[in-house]
Amino acid sequence: MISEPESPMTARATVYLEPELYRAAKVKAAASDRSFSDIVNDALRLGLSEDAADIATFERRAKQPARPFEDVLKSLRRKKLI
């Protein structure tokens, strides 16, 4: 296994991956001429950025008035949609 050089901007970690995910990431790294670490970092960065976007959306919508689900159902029944 090729060891990635450590720098002040990297940290070493031990993670346990499902075998299929590990193989897929290794294949992707080889096919894209990138390191396994780059693939894992990008995937983690993407997942965390999606979480951050979700949190921002929740915060933006926190001030919106809530509409009880029962009211939505009553409205749909009145309109004969359910």
Protein backbone atom coordinates (compact mmCIF):
# COMPACT_ATOMS: atom_id res chain seq x y z
CA MET A 1 0.00 0.00 0.00
CA ILE A 2 1.35 3.42 -0.94
CA SER A 3 1.66 5.73 2.04
CA GLU A 4 0.37 9.27 1.66
CA PRO A 5 2.83 11.96 2.77
CA GLU A 6 1.75 13.72 5.92
CA SER A 7 1.82 17.49 6.11
CA PRO A 8 0.60 20.04 8.64
CA MET A 9 -2.68 20.06 6.67
CA THR A 10 -3.36 16.32 6.97
CA ALA A 11 -4.20 13.91 9.76
CA ARG A 12 -3.84 10.16 9.83
CA ALA A 13 -6.96 8.14 10.64
CA THR A 14 -8.03 4.54 10.72
CA VAL A 15 -11.45 3.91 9.21
CA TYR A 16 -13.24 0.65 8.53
CA LEU A 17 -14.99 0.56 5.18
CA GLU A 18 -17.36 -1.96 3.73
CA PRO A 19 -15.34 -4.09 1.28
CA GLU A 20 -17.44 -3.07 -1.74
CA LEU A 21 -17.08 0.64 -0.94
CA TYR A 22 -13.35 0.23 -0.44
CA ARG A 23 -12.94 -1.51 -3.80
CA ALA A 24 -15.08 1.09 -5.57
CA ALA A 25 -13.07 3.96 -4.10
CA LYS A 26 -9.78 2.28 -5.03
CA VAL A 27 -10.99 1.74 -8.60
CA LYS A 28 -12.20 5.33 -8.83
CA ALA A 29 -8.86 6.60 -7.53
CA ALA A 30 -6.94 4.55 -10.09
CA ALA A 31 -9.26 5.47 -12.95
CA SER A 32 -9.06 9.18 -12.17
CA ASP A 33 -5.31 9.18 -11.40
CA ARG A 34 -6.03 10.49 -7.90
CA SER A 35 -5.12 9.17 -4.49
CA PHE A 36 -7.46 7.10 -2.35
CA SER A 37 -7.20 9.86 0.28
CA ASP A 38 -8.36 12.46 -2.25
CA ILE A 39 -11.40 10.34 -3.11
CA VAL A 40 -12.29 9.85 0.56
CA ASN A 41 -11.70 13.52 1.42
CA ASP A 42 -13.89 14.66 -1.48
CA ALA A 43 -16.69 12.28 -0.50
CA LEU A 44 -16.57 13.41 3.12
CA ARG A 45 -16.43 17.06 2.10
CA LEU A 46 -19.48 16.57 -0.15
CA GLY A 47 -21.46 14.85 2.59
CA LEU A 48 -20.63 17.55 5.14
CA SER A 49 -21.46 20.35 2.70
CA GLU A 50 -24.87 18.76 2.09
CA ASP A 51 -25.43 18.68 5.86
CA ALA A 52 -24.44 22.35 6.10
CA ALA A 53 -26.87 23.23 3.30
CA ASP A 54 -29.66 21.33 5.09
CA ILE A 55 -28.96 23.16 8.34
CA ALA A 56 -29.00 26.52 6.55
CA THR A 57 -32.36 25.64 4.98
CA PHE A 58 -33.81 24.62 8.35
CA GLU A 59 -32.57 27.86 9.91
CA ARG A 60 -34.05 29.92 7.06
CA ARG A 61 -37.40 28.18 7.40
CA ALA A 62 -37.48 28.28 11.22
CA LYS A 63 -39.23 31.66 11.14
CA GLN A 64 -41.94 30.50 8.76
CA PRO A 65 -45.28 29.73 10.36
CA ALA A 66 -45.98 26.07 10.81
CA ARG A 67 -49.11 24.53 9.33
CA PRO A 68 -50.40 21.51 11.22
CA PHE A 69 -50.61 18.35 9.12
CA GLU A 70 -54.24 17.90 10.17
CA ASP A 71 -55.08 21.24 8.54
CA VAL A 72 -53.45 20.14 5.30
CA LEU A 73 -55.50 16.94 5.30
CA LYS A 74 -58.74 18.84 5.98
CA SER A 75 -57.98 21.19 3.11
CA LEU A 76 -57.33 18.27 0.75
CA ARG A 77 -60.61 16.64 1.82
CA ARG A 78 -62.57 19.89 1.24
CA LYS A 79 -61.11 20.07 -2.26
CA LYS A 80 -62.00 16.38 -2.75
CA LEU A 81 -58.38 15.56 -3.51
CA ILE A 82 -58.37 12.71 -1.01
